Amino acid sequence: MLEAAIYDYLTNGTLDKEKYLSHIKQYTKGDNRAGKILKHISVLLTKNEEIISKISNHLDADAFAELSTTERKAFVLCLFVTAFPLRTIFS
């Protein structure tokens, strides 16, 4: 789901929330849970908007789709790390 959202975001620069909400509802129970999942996807893309914009100059949607599964997972993990940074316990 998240990889498809990134692909679409790289394609047209937006997230079709209605499309993804409908898709999420097929795999989850309850509107509340589906809404939370969509919110996390939306926040992930929004917080990384500048980074994704720069990356899209070198990696278009088709190139993203051609990455190996491991490379796509690494890409998603990088987006998570920049969107939700871990706070150190020693600060």
Protein backbone atom coordinates (compact mmCIF):
# COMPACT_ATOMS: atom_id res chain seq x y z
CA MET A 1 0.00 0.00 0.00
CA LEU A 2 2.70 2.46 1.01
CA GLU A 3 4.84 1.65 -2.02
CA ALA A 4 1.83 2.23 -4.29
CA ALA A 5 1.22 5.58 -2.60
CA ILE A 6 4.86 6.57 -3.14
CA TYR A 7 4.64 5.48 -6.78
CA ASP A 8 1.53 7.62 -7.29
CA TYR A 9 3.12 10.51 -5.43
CA LEU A 10 6.18 10.33 -7.67
CA THR A 11 3.89 10.18 -10.71
CA ASN A 12 1.67 13.17 -10.04
CA GLY A 13 2.89 14.83 -6.83
CA THR A 14 -0.30 14.17 -4.90
CA LEU A 15 -1.94 11.48 -2.82
CA ASP A 16 -5.45 10.46 -3.85
CA LYS A 17 -6.80 10.03 -0.33
CA GLU A 18 -10.21 8.72 -1.41
CA LYS A 19 -8.61 6.03 -3.56
CA TYR A 20 -6.34 4.86 -0.75
CA LEU A 21 -9.01 5.07 1.93
CA SER A 22 -11.21 2.82 -0.18
CA HIS A 23 -8.34 0.39 -0.67
CA ILE A 24 -7.40 0.41 3.03
CA LYS A 25 -11.00 -0.32 4.02
CA GLN A 26 -10.83 -3.55 2.02
CA TYR A 27 -8.14 -4.86 4.39
CA THR A 28 -9.11 -3.35 7.74
CA LYS A 29 -12.14 -3.33 9.98
CA GLY A 30 -13.62 0.01 10.95
CA ASP A 31 -13.50 3.46 9.45
CA ASN A 32 -11.49 4.79 12.38
CA ARG A 33 -8.62 2.35 11.83
CA ALA A 34 -8.63 2.96 8.07
CA GLY A 35 -8.52 6.70 8.68
CA LYS A 36 -5.53 6.33 11.00
CA ILE A 37 -3.62 4.29 8.43
CA LEU A 38 -4.34 6.87 5.74
CA LYS A 39 -3.23 9.64 8.09
CA HIS A 40 0.11 7.91 8.68
CA ILE A 41 0.68 7.52 4.94
CA SER A 42 -0.28 11.14 4.35
CA VAL A 43 2.00 12.42 7.13
CA LEU A 44 4.88 10.30 5.88
CA LEU A 45 4.59 11.78 2.38
CA THR A 46 3.92 15.33 3.58
CA LYS A 47 6.86 15.42 5.99
CA ASN A 48 9.13 14.15 3.21
CA GLU A 49 7.68 16.31 0.44
CA GLU A 50 10.88 18.31 -0.09
CA ILE A 51 13.07 15.19 -0.09
CA ILE A 52 10.75 13.33 -2.45
CA SER A 53 10.69 16.34 -4.76
CA LYS A 54 14.50 16.35 -4.97
CA ILE A 55 14.66 12.58 -5.39
CA SER A 56 12.07 12.70 -8.16
CA ASN A 57 14.57 14.66 -10.28
CA HIS A 58 16.70 11.49 -10.37
CA LEU A 59 14.17 8.72 -9.68
CA ASP A 60 10.81 8.81 -11.41
CA ALA A 61 7.87 6.53 -10.60
CA ASP A 62 8.87 3.91 -13.17
CA ALA A 63 12.43 3.77 -11.86
CA PHE A 64 11.05 3.42 -8.32
CA ALA A 65 8.91 0.49 -9.49
CA GLU A 66 11.98 -1.16 -11.04
CA LEU A 67 13.92 -1.08 -7.76
CA SER A 68 14.31 -4.40 -6.04
CA THR A 69 12.04 -5.18 -3.10
CA THR A 70 14.94 -4.60 -0.73
CA GLU A 71 15.75 -1.22 -2.29
CA ARG A 72 12.10 -0.09 -2.10
CA LYS A 73 11.91 -1.17 1.55
CA ALA A 74 15.13 0.76 2.27
CA PHE A 75 13.63 3.82 0.56
CA VAL A 76 10.49 3.57 2.70
CA LEU A 77 12.57 3.08 5.84
CA CYS A 78 14.53 6.25 5.03
CA LEU A 79 11.25 8.15 4.71
CA PHE A 80 10.14 6.87 8.12
CA VAL A 81 13.42 7.87 9.74
CA THR A 82 13.26 11.41 8.40
CA ALA A 83 9.54 11.82 9.14
CA PHE A 84 9.62 10.32 12.63
CA PRO A 85 13.15 10.80 14.02
CA LEU A 86 14.13 8.77 17.02
CA ARG A 87 14.98 10.78 20.10
CA THR A 88 17.99 9.67 22.02
CA ILE A 89 17.51 8.81 25.65
CA PHE A 90 20.79 10.46 26.54
CA SER A 91 19.94 14.01 25.50
